[in-house]
Amino acid sequence: MAAFEITREDGESGGRWLLKSDGHEAEMTYSRLGDSKIIVDHTGVPDGLRGSGAGLALAERMVADMRAEGKGVIALCPFVKAQARKHPEWADVIE
């Protein structure tokens, strides 16, 4: 998998992780659920990044950030749900 630069935009009610590569942008968005959880609701990867591992890179960054912050994740996004099934080691973060 390629090394991607991922940034995080964090606001009062939610935010997103943003991945930029080769003129394309992929994102994973979330909403806050109190102080201890977030709801990941969408992962968008444009055609130009499909198959590159961009979606997985966003998910791994989200899990790492939430683990570091001691927060749980409710995954409404179908992509994140599917990745959580493939990565049982994320069970401490994703419900």
PDB file of N, CA and C in Angstrom:
ATOM      1  N   MET A   1       0.839  -1.171   0.000  1.00  0.00           N
ATOM      2  CA  MET A   1       0.000   0.000   0.000  1.00  0.00           C
ATOM      3  C   MET A   1       0.888   1.239   0.000  1.00  0.00           C
ATOM      4  N   ALA A   2       0.494   2.209  -0.774  1.00  0.00           N
ATOM      5  CA  ALA A   2       1.250   3.457  -0.863  1.00  0.00           C
ATOM      6  C   ALA A   2       1.154   4.235   0.443  1.00  0.00           C
ATOM      7  N   ALA A   3       2.161   5.039   0.721  1.00  0.00           N
ATOM      8  CA  ALA A   3       2.111   5.926   1.883  1.00  0.00           C
ATOM      9  C   ALA A   3       1.354   7.181   1.465  1.00  0.00           C
ATOM     10  N   PHE A   4       0.297   7.476   2.181  1.00  0.00           N
ATOM     11  CA  PHE A   4      -0.529   8.642   1.870  1.00  0.00           C
ATOM     12  C   PHE A   4      -0.390   9.680   2.964  1.00  0.00           C
ATOM     13  N   GLU A   5      -0.529  10.925   2.582  1.00  0.00           N
ATOM     14  CA  GLU A   5      -0.596  11.999   3.570  1.00  0.00           C
ATOM     15  C   GLU A   5      -2.063  12.234   3.881  1.00  0.00           C
ATOM     16  N   ILE A   6      -2.408  12.100   5.148  1.00  0.00           N
ATOM     17  CA  ILE A   6      -3.789  12.260   5.585  1.00  0.00           C
ATOM     18  C   ILE A   6      -3.833  13.361   6.631  1.00  0.00           C
ATOM     19  N   THR A   7      -4.749  14.295   6.443  1.00  0.00           N
ATOM     20  CA  THR A   7      -4.957  15.364   7.415  1.00  0.00           C
ATOM     21  C   THR A   7      -6.333  15.185   8.038  1.00  0.00           C
ATOM     22  N   ARG A   8      -6.525  15.856   9.156  1.00  0.00           N
ATOM     23  CA  ARG A   8      -7.812  15.781   9.855  1.00  0.00           C
ATOM     24  C   ARG A   8      -8.339  17.177  10.083  1.00  0.00           C
ATOM     25  N   GLU A   9      -9.592  17.359   9.737  1.00  0.00           N
ATOM     26  CA  GLU A   9     -10.315  18.599  10.023  1.00  0.00           C
ATOM     27  C   GLU A   9     -11.323  18.266  11.105  1.00  0.00           C
ATOM     28  N   ASP A  10     -11.181  18.903  12.253  1.00  0.00           N
ATOM     29  CA  ASP A  10     -11.992  18.567  13.421  1.00  0.00           C
ATOM     30  C   ASP A  10     -12.767  19.793  13.867  1.00  0.00           C
ATOM     31  N   GLY A  11     -14.084  19.696  13.871  1.00  0.00           N
ATOM     32  CA  GLY A  11     -14.926  20.816  14.284  1.00  0.00           C
ATOM     33  C   GLY A  11     -15.737  20.476  15.518  1.00  0.00           C
ATOM     34  N   GLU A  12     -16.592  21.380  15.899  1.00  0.00           N
ATOM     35  CA  GLU A  12     -17.373  21.215  17.117  1.00  0.00           C
ATOM     36  C   GLU A  12     -18.353  20.045  17.036  1.00  0.00           C
ATOM     37  N   SER A  13     -18.975  19.853  15.873  1.00  0.00           N
ATOM     38  CA  SER A  13     -19.980  18.799  15.757  1.00  0.00           C
ATOM     39  C   SER A  13     -19.498  17.578  14.969  1.00  0.00           C
ATOM     40  N   GLY A  14     -18.316  17.688  14.347  1.00  0.00           N
ATOM     41  CA  GLY A  14     -17.805  16.573  13.569  1.00  0.00           C
ATOM     42  C   GLY A  14     -16.595  16.996  12.761  1.00  0.00           C
ATOM     43  N   GLY A  15     -16.286  16.183  11.758  1.00  0.00           N
ATOM     44  CA  GLY A  15     -15.118  16.516  10.948  1.00  0.00           C
ATOM     45  C   GLY A  15     -14.876  15.478   9.885  1.00  0.00           C
ATOM     46  N   ARG A  16     -13.642  15.448   9.409  1.00  0.00           N
ATOM     47  CA  ARG A  16     -13.283  14.478   8.380  1.00  0.00           C
ATOM     48  C   ARG A  16     -11.783  14.267   8.345  1.00  0.00           C
ATOM     49  N   TRP A  17     -11.400  13.116   7.813  1.00  0.00           N
ATOM     50  CA  TRP A  17     -10.023  12.844   7.454  1.00  0.00           C
ATOM     51  C   TRP A  17      -9.950  13.027   5.948  1.00  0.00           C
ATOM     52  N   LEU A  18      -8.913  13.674   5.483  1.00  0.00           N
ATOM     53  CA  LEU A  18      -8.775  13.990   4.067  1.00  0.00           C
ATOM     54  C   LEU A  18      -7.447  13.450   3.554  1.00  0.00           C
ATOM     55  N   LEU A  19      -7.528  12.704   2.462  1.00  0.00           N
ATOM     56  CA  LEU A  19      -6.348  12.129   1.824  1.00  0.00           C
ATOM     57  C   LEU A  19      -6.248  12.736   0.433  1.00  0.00           C
ATOM     58  N   LYS A  20      -5.084  13.281   0.125  1.00  0.00           N
ATOM     59  CA  LYS A  20      -4.837  13.847  -1.200  1.00  0.00           C
ATOM     60  C   LYS A  20      -3.705  13.075  -1.864  1.00  0.00           C
ATOM     61  N   SER A  21      -3.935  12.699  -3.129  1.00  0.00           N
ATOM     62  CA  SER A  21      -2.914  11.974  -3.872  1.00  0.00           C
ATOM     63  C   SER A  21      -3.146  12.157  -5.367  1.00  0.00           C
ATOM     64  N   ASP A  22      -2.107  12.526  -6.084  1.00  0.00           N
ATOM     65  CA  ASP A  22      -2.166  12.651  -7.549  1.00  0.00           C
ATOM     66  C   ASP A  22      -3.340  13.495  -8.030  1.00  0.00           C
ATOM     67  N   GLY A  23      -3.620  14.580  -7.335  1.00  0.00           N
ATOM     68  CA  GLY A  23      -4.699  15.476  -7.737  1.00  0.00           C
ATOM     69  C   GLY A  23      -6.092  15.010  -7.357  1.00  0.00           C
ATOM     70  N   HIS A  24      -6.195  13.939  -6.594  1.00  0.00           N
ATOM     71  CA  HIS A  24      -7.488  13.403  -6.160  1.00  0.00           C
ATOM     72  C   HIS A  24      -7.606  13.552  -4.648  1.00  0.00           C
ATOM     73  N   GLU A  25      -8.846  13.629  -4.164  1.00  0.00           N
ATOM     74  CA  GLU A  25      -9.106  13.708  -2.733  1.00  0.00           C
ATOM     75  C   GLU A  25     -10.081  12.614  -2.324  1.00  0.00           C
ATOM     76  N   ALA A  26      -9.748  11.914  -1.261  1.00  0.00           N
ATOM     77  CA  ALA A  26     -10.645  10.943  -0.646  1.00  0.00           C
ATOM     78  C   ALA A  26     -10.920  11.444   0.770  1.00  0.00           C
ATOM     79  N   GLU A  27     -12.084  11.095   1.311  1.00  0.00           N
ATOM     80  CA  GLU A  27     -12.407  11.560   2.652  1.00  0.00           C
ATOM     81  C   GLU A  27     -13.212  10.545   3.425  1.00  0.00           C
ATOM     82  N   MET A  28     -13.144  10.675   4.744  1.00  0.00           N
ATOM     83  CA  MET A  28     -13.970   9.913   5.666  1.00  0.00           C
ATOM     84  C   MET A  28     -14.557  10.933   6.633  1.00  0.00           C
ATOM     85  N   THR A  29     -15.889  10.986   6.720  1.00  0.00           N
ATOM     86  CA  THR A  29     -16.539  11.995   7.539  1.00  0.00           C
ATOM     87  C   THR A  29     -17.130  11.381   8.805  1.00  0.00           C
ATOM     88  N   TYR A  30     -17.276  12.225   9.816  1.00  0.00           N
ATOM     89  CA  TYR A  30     -17.829  11.761  11.089  1.00  0.00           C
ATOM     90  C   TYR A  30     -18.571  12.869  11.807  1.00  0.00           C
ATOM     91  N   SER A  31     -19.437  12.444  12.728  1.00  0.00           N
ATOM     92  CA  SER A  31     -20.150  13.345  13.634  1.00  0.00           C
ATOM     93  C   SER A  31     -19.801  12.942  15.050  1.00  0.00           C
ATOM     94  N   ARG A  32     -19.806  13.897  15.938  1.00  0.00           N
ATOM     95  CA  ARG A  32     -19.538  13.609  17.348  1.00  0.00           C
ATOM     96  C   ARG A  32     -20.801  13.071  18.010  1.00  0.00           C
ATOM     97  N   LEU A  33     -20.618  12.133  18.909  1.00  0.00           N
ATOM     98  CA  LEU A  33     -21.701  11.607  19.732  1.00  0.00           C
ATOM     99  C   LEU A  33     -21.237  11.749  21.178  1.00  0.00           C
ATOM    100  N   GLY A  34     -21.453  12.918  21.735  1.00  0.00           N
ATOM    101  CA  GLY A  34     -20.956  13.206  23.071  1.00  0.00           C
ATOM    102  C   GLY A  34     -19.442  13.374  23.054  1.00  0.00           C
ATOM    103  N   ASP A  35     -18.843  13.183  24.218  1.00  0.00           N
ATOM    104  CA  ASP A  35     -17.396  13.367  24.342  1.00  0.00           C
ATOM    105  C   ASP A  35     -16.601  12.087  24.117  1.00  0.00           C
ATOM    106  N   SER A  36     -17.280  10.942  24.098  1.00  0.00           N
ATOM    107  CA  SER A  36     -16.532   9.690  24.081  1.00  0.00           C
ATOM    108  C   SER A  36     -16.694   8.861  22.809  1.00  0.00           C
ATOM    109  N   LYS A  37     -17.544   9.299  21.858  1.00  0.00           N
ATOM    110  CA  LYS A  37     -17.759   8.514  20.644  1.00  0.00           C
ATOM    111  C   LYS A  37     -17.922   9.413  19.425  1.00  0.00           C
ATOM    112  N   ILE A  38     -17.639   8.803  18.274  1.00  0.00           N
ATOM    113  CA  ILE A  38     -17.956   9.437  16.996  1.00  0.00           C
ATOM    114  C   ILE A  38     -18.762   8.450  16.162  1.00  0.00           C
ATOM    115  N   ILE A  39     -19.469   8.991  15.183  1.00  0.00           N
ATOM    116  CA  ILE A  39     -20.195   8.186  14.213  1.00  0.00           C
ATOM    117  C   ILE A  39     -19.544   8.419  12.864  1.00  0.00           C
ATOM    118  N   VAL A  40     -18.922   7.398  12.312  1.00  0.00           N
ATOM    119  CA  VAL A  40     -18.344   7.505  10.969  1.00  0.00           C
ATOM    120  C   VAL A  40     -19.464   7.186   9.989  1.00  0.00           C
ATOM    121  N   ASP A  41     -19.800   8.178   9.142  1.00  0.00           N
ATOM    122  CA  ASP A  41     -20.968   8.017   8.290  1.00  0.00           C
ATOM    123  C   ASP A  41     -20.673   7.903   6.795  1.00  0.00           C
ATOM    124  N   HIS A  42     -19.463   8.212   6.373  1.00  0.00           N
ATOM    125  CA  HIS A  42     -19.204   8.193   4.931  1.00  0.00           C
ATOM    126  C   HIS A  42     -17.710   8.078   4.650  1.00  0.00           C
ATOM    127  N   THR A  43     -17.382   7.259   3.663  1.00  0.00           N
ATOM    128  CA  THR A  43     -16.036   7.213   3.103  1.00  0.00           C
ATOM    129  C   THR A  43     -16.195   7.382   1.602  1.00  0.00           C
ATOM    130  N   GLY A  44     -15.548   8.394   1.068  1.00  0.00           N
ATOM    131  CA  GLY A  44     -15.621   8.654  -0.369  1.00  0.00           C
ATOM    132  C   GLY A  44     -14.251   8.579  -1.001  1.00  0.00           C
ATOM    133  N   VAL A  45     -14.115   7.692  -1.979  1.00  0.00           N
ATOM    134  CA  VAL A  45     -12.860   7.536  -2.707  1.00  0.00           C
ATOM    135  C   VAL A  45     -13.166   7.705  -4.192  1.00  0.00           C
ATOM    136  N   PRO A  46     -12.565   8.712  -4.836  1.00  0.00           N
ATOM    137  CA  PRO A  46     -12.845   8.921  -6.259  1.00  0.00           C
ATOM    138  C   PRO A  46     -12.254   7.812  -7.121  1.00  0.00           C
ATOM    139  N   ASP A  47     -12.778   7.685  -8.332  1.00  0.00           N
ATOM    140  CA  ASP A  47     -12.321   6.635  -9.247  1.00  0.00           C
ATOM    141  C   ASP A  47     -10.807   6.644  -9.424  1.00  0.00           C
ATOM    142  N   GLY A  48     -10.200   7.833  -9.431  1.00  0.00           N
ATOM    143  CA  GLY A  48      -8.759   7.940  -9.636  1.00  0.00           C
ATOM    144  C   GLY A  48      -7.924   7.325  -8.532  1.00  0.00           C
ATOM    145  N   LEU A  49      -8.546   7.040  -7.386  1.00  0.00           N
ATOM    146  CA  LEU A  49      -7.826   6.422  -6.261  1.00  0.00           C
ATOM    147  C   LEU A  49      -8.326   5.022  -5.939  1.00  0.00           C
ATOM    148  N   ARG A  50      -9.316   4.549  -6.642  1.00  0.00           N
ATOM    149  CA  ARG A  50      -9.841   3.204  -6.362  1.00  0.00           C
ATOM    150  C   ARG A  50      -8.753   2.159  -6.577  1.00  0.00           C
ATOM    151  N   GLY A  51      -8.712   1.203  -5.660  1.00  0.00           N
ATOM    152  CA  GLY A  51      -7.725   0.138  -5.745  1.00  0.00           C
ATOM    153  C   GLY A  51      -6.345   0.517  -5.231  1.00  0.00           C
ATOM    154  N   SER A  52      -6.194   1.753  -4.761  1.00  0.00           N
ATOM    155  CA  SER A  52      -4.887   2.224  -4.293  1.00  0.00           C
ATOM    156  C   SER A  52      -4.657   1.987  -2.805  1.00  0.00           C
ATOM    157  N   GLY A  53      -5.703   1.602  -2.093  1.00  0.00           N
ATOM    158  CA  GLY A  53      -5.591   1.461  -0.641  1.00  0.00           C
ATOM    159  C   GLY A  53      -5.945   2.727   0.100  1.00  0.00           C
ATOM    160  N   ALA A  54      -6.464   3.737  -0.603  1.00  0.00           N
ATOM    161  CA  ALA A  54      -6.788   5.017   0.033  1.00  0.00           C
ATOM    162  C   ALA A  54      -7.859   4.856   1.109  1.00  0.00           C
ATOM    163  N   GLY A  55      -8.910   4.087   0.831  1.00  0.00           N
ATOM    164  CA  GLY A  55      -9.971   3.888   1.812  1.00  0.00           C
ATOM    165  C   GLY A  55      -9.458   3.208   3.065  1.00  0.00           C
ATOM    166  N   LEU A  56      -8.659   2.172   2.891  1.00  0.00           N
ATOM    167  CA  LEU A  56      -8.088   1.476   4.040  1.00  0.00           C
ATOM    168  C   LEU A  56      -7.158   2.403   4.821  1.00  0.00           C
ATOM    169  N   ALA A  57      -6.385   3.217   4.124  1.00  0.00           N
ATOM    170  CA  ALA A  57      -5.492   4.166   4.806  1.00  0.00           C
ATOM    171  C   ALA A  57      -6.289   5.138   5.667  1.00  0.00           C
ATOM    172  N   LEU A  58      -7.419   5.612   5.155  1.00  0.00           N
ATOM    173  CA  LEU A  58      -8.282   6.502   5.948  1.00  0.00           C
ATOM    174  C   LEU A  58      -8.816   5.774   7.176  1.00  0.00           C
ATOM    175  N   ALA A  59      -9.252   4.537   6.991  1.00  0.00           N
ATOM    176  CA  ALA A  59      -9.790   3.767   8.113  1.00  0.00           C
ATOM    177  C   ALA A  59      -8.718   3.506   9.176  1.00  0.00           C
ATOM    178  N   GLU A  60      -7.520   3.159   8.745  1.00  0.00           N
ATOM    179  CA  GLU A  60      -6.434   2.915   9.696  1.00  0.00           C
ATOM    180  C   GLU A  60      -6.095   4.178  10.474  1.00  0.00           C
ATOM    181  N   ARG A  61      -6.085   5.318   9.813  1.00  0.00           N
ATOM    182  CA  ARG A  61      -5.800   6.583  10.499  1.00  0.00           C
ATOM    183  C   ARG A  61      -6.907   6.897  11.502  1.00  0.00           C
ATOM    184  N   MET A  62      -8.169   6.696  11.105  1.00  0.00           N
ATOM    185  CA  MET A  62      -9.288   6.938  12.007  1.00  0.00           C
ATOM    186  C   MET A  62      -9.164   6.072  13.252  1.00  0.00           C
ATOM    187  N   VAL A  63      -8.888   4.785  13.069  1.00  0.00           N
ATOM    188  CA  VAL A  63      -8.747   3.877  14.209  1.00  0.00           C
ATOM    189  C   VAL A  63      -7.593   4.323  15.105  1.00  0.00           C
ATOM    190  N   ALA A  64      -6.462   4.680  14.525  1.00  0.00           N
ATOM    191  CA  ALA A  64      -5.305   5.122  15.314  1.00  0.00           C
ATOM    192  C   ALA A  64      -5.629   6.390  16.102  1.00  0.00           C
ATOM    193  N   ASP A  65      -6.286   7.348  15.458  1.00  0.00           N
ATOM    194  CA  ASP A  65      -6.642   8.593  16.148  1.00  0.00           C
ATOM    195  C   ASP A  65      -7.612   8.337  17.293  1.00  0.00           C
ATOM    196  N   MET A  66      -8.625   7.535  17.039  1.00  0.00           N
ATOM    197  CA  MET A  66      -9.628   7.278  18.083  1.00  0.00           C
ATOM    198  C   MET A  66      -9.053   6.450  19.217  1.00  0.00           C
ATOM    199  N   ARG A  67      -8.175   5.533  18.896  1.00  0.00           N
ATOM    200  CA  ARG A  67      -7.502   4.744  19.940  1.00  0.00           C
ATOM    201  C   ARG A  67      -6.653   5.682  20.809  1.00  0.00           C
ATOM    202  N   ALA A  68      -5.916   6.590  20.185  1.00  0.00           N
ATOM    203  CA  ALA A  68      -5.067   7.537  20.921  1.00  0.00           C
ATOM    204  C   ALA A  68      -5.896   8.487  21.789  1.00  0.00           C
ATOM    205  N   GLU A  69      -7.096   8.808  21.323  1.00  0.00           N
ATOM    206  CA  GLU A  69      -7.969   9.732  22.074  1.00  0.00           C
ATOM    207  C   GLU A  69      -8.894   9.003  23.040  1.00  0.00           C
ATOM    208  N   GLY A  70      -8.863   7.681  23.038  1.00  0.00           N
ATOM    209  CA  GLY A  70      -9.711   6.904  23.938  1.00  0.00           C
ATOM    210  C   GLY A  70     -11.188   6.996  23.596  1.00  0.00           C
ATOM    211  N   LYS A  71     -11.506   7.125  22.304  1.00  0.00           N
ATOM    212  CA  LYS A  71     -12.895   7.264  21.877  1.00  0.00           C
ATOM    213  C   LYS A  71     -13.346   6.027  21.120  1.00  0.00           C
ATOM    214  N   GLY A  72     -14.644   5.765  21.198  1.00  0.00           N
ATOM    215  CA  GLY A  72     -15.245   4.672  20.462  1.00  0.00           C
ATOM    216  C   GLY A  72     -15.832   5.168  19.154  1.00  0.00           C
ATOM    217  N   VAL A  73     -16.097   4.219  18.259  1.00  0.00           N
ATOM    218  CA  VAL A  73     -16.626   4.538  16.936  1.00  0.00           C
ATOM    219  C   VAL A  73     -17.856   3.692  16.657  1.00  0.00           C
ATOM    220  N   ILE A  74     -18.904   4.357  16.213  1.00  0.00           N
ATOM    221  CA  ILE A  74     -20.069   3.682  15.659  1.00  0.00           C
ATOM    222  C   ILE A  74     -19.946   3.839  14.152  1.00  0.00           C
ATOM    223  N   ALA A  75     -19.891   2.728  13.455  1.00  0.00           N
ATOM    224  CA  ALA A  75     -19.686   2.747  12.013  1.00  0.00           C
ATOM    225  C   ALA A  75     -21.023   2.621  11.288  1.00  0.00           C
ATOM    226  N   LEU A  76     -21.495   3.717  10.717  1.00  0.00           N
ATOM    227  CA  LEU A  76     -22.667   3.682   9.849  1.00  0.00           C
ATOM    228  C   LEU A  76     -22.243   3.516   8.394  1.00  0.00           C
ATOM    229  N   CYS A  77     -21.012   3.866   8.117  1.00  0.00           N
ATOM    230  CA  CYS A  77     -20.466   3.764   6.766  1.00  0.00           C
ATOM    231  C   CYS A  77     -20.266   2.284   6.404  1.00  0.00           C
ATOM    232  N   PRO A  78     -20.853   1.827   5.284  1.00  0.00           N
ATOM    233  CA  PRO A  78     -20.695   0.421   4.893  1.00  0.00           C
ATOM    234  C   PRO A  78     -19.236  -0.002   4.701  1.00  0.00           C
ATOM    235  N   PHE A  79     -18.400   0.886   4.183  1.00  0.00           N
ATOM    236  CA  PHE A  79     -16.994   0.546   3.982  1.00  0.00           C
ATOM    237  C   PHE A  79     -16.305   0.287   5.320  1.00  0.00           C
ATOM    238  N   VAL A  80     -16.527   1.160   6.292  1.00  0.00           N
ATOM    239  CA  VAL A  80     -15.891   0.992   7.602  1.00  0.00           C
ATOM    240  C   VAL A  80     -16.414  -0.269   8.292  1.00  0.00           C
ATOM    241  N   LYS A  81     -17.712  -0.541   8.160  1.00  0.00           N
ATOM    242  CA  LYS A  81     -18.264  -1.778   8.728  1.00  0.00           C
ATOM    243  C   LYS A  81     -17.571  -3.002   8.128  1.00  0.00           C
ATOM    244  N   ALA A  82     -17.406  -3.000   6.815  1.00  0.00           N
ATOM    245  CA  ALA A  82     -16.762  -4.128   6.135  1.00  0.00           C
ATOM    246  C   ALA A  82     -15.311  -4.276   6.575  1.00  0.00           C
ATOM    247  N   GLN A  83     -14.595  -3.166   6.695  1.00  0.00           N
ATOM    248  CA  GLN A  83     -13.196  -3.225   7.124  1.00  0.00           C
ATOM    249  C   GLN A  83     -13.080  -3.698   8.568  1.00  0.00           C
ATOM    250  N   ALA A  84     -14.024  -3.298   9.415  1.00  0.00           N
ATOM    251  CA  ALA A  84     -13.997  -3.734  10.820  1.00  0.00           C
ATOM    252  C   ALA A  84     -14.151  -5.246  10.919  1.00  0.00           C
ATOM    253  N   ARG A  85     -14.964  -5.838  10.038  1.00  0.00           N
ATOM    254  CA  ARG A  85     -15.106  -7.306  10.030  1.00  0.00           C
ATOM    255  C   ARG A  85     -13.801  -7.981   9.613  1.00  0.00           C
ATOM    256  N   LYS A  86     -13.041  -7.329   8.727  1.00  0.00           N
ATOM    257  CA  LYS A  86     -11.764  -7.881   8.263  1.00  0.00           C
ATOM    258  C   LYS A  86     -10.622  -7.643   9.248  1.00  0.00           C
ATOM    259  N   HIS A  87     -10.817  -6.707  10.166  1.00  0.00           N
ATOM    260  CA  HIS A  87      -9.768  -6.320  11.117  1.00  0.00           C
ATOM    261  C   HIS A  87     -10.289  -6.446  12.550  1.00  0.00           C
ATOM    262  N   PRO A  88     -10.368  -7.663  13.070  1.00  0.00           N
ATOM    263  CA  PRO A  88     -10.882  -7.841  14.437  1.00  0.00           C
ATOM    264  C   PRO A  88     -10.052  -7.101  15.487  1.00  0.00           C
ATOM    265  N   GLU A  89      -8.824  -6.762  15.143  1.00  0.00           N
ATOM    266  CA  GLU A  89      -7.978  -6.008  16.092  1.00  0.00           C
ATOM    267  C   GLU A  89      -8.480  -4.575  16.311  1.00  0.00           C
ATOM    268  N   TRP A  90      -9.448  -4.148  15.538  1.00  0.00           N
ATOM    269  CA  TRP A  90     -10.042  -2.814  15.717  1.00  0.00           C
ATOM    270  C   TRP A  90     -11.225  -2.843  16.688  1.00  0.00           C
ATOM    271  N   ALA A  91     -11.568  -4.013  17.210  1.00  0.00           N
ATOM    272  CA  ALA A  91     -12.766  -4.167  18.045  1.00  0.00           C
ATOM    273  C   ALA A  91     -12.715  -3.310  19.315  1.00  0.00           C
ATOM    274  N   ASP A  92     -11.533  -2.911  19.757  1.00  0.00           N
ATOM    275  CA  ASP A  92     -11.459  -2.052  20.929  1.00  0.00           C
ATOM    276  C   ASP A  92     -11.912  -0.628  20.621  1.00  0.00           C
ATOM    277  N   VAL A  93     -12.028  -0.284  19.346  1.00  0.00           N
ATOM    278  CA  VAL A  93     -12.408   1.062  18.926  1.00  0.00           C
ATOM    279  C   VAL A  93     -13.786   1.069  18.262  1.00  0.00           C
ATOM    280  N   ILE A  94     -14.012   0.148  17.326  1.00  0.00           N
ATOM    281  CA  ILE A  94     -15.255   0.145  16.552  1.00  0.00           C
ATOM    282  C   ILE A  94     -16.256  -0.824  17.161  1.00  0.00           C
ATOM    283  N   GLU A  95     -17.432  -0.300  17.463  1.00  0.00           N
ATOM    284  CA  GLU A  95     -18.497  -1.134  18.063  1.00  0.00           C
ATOM    285  C   GLU A  95     -19.126  -2.043  17.037  1.00  0.00           C
TER     286      GLU A  95
END
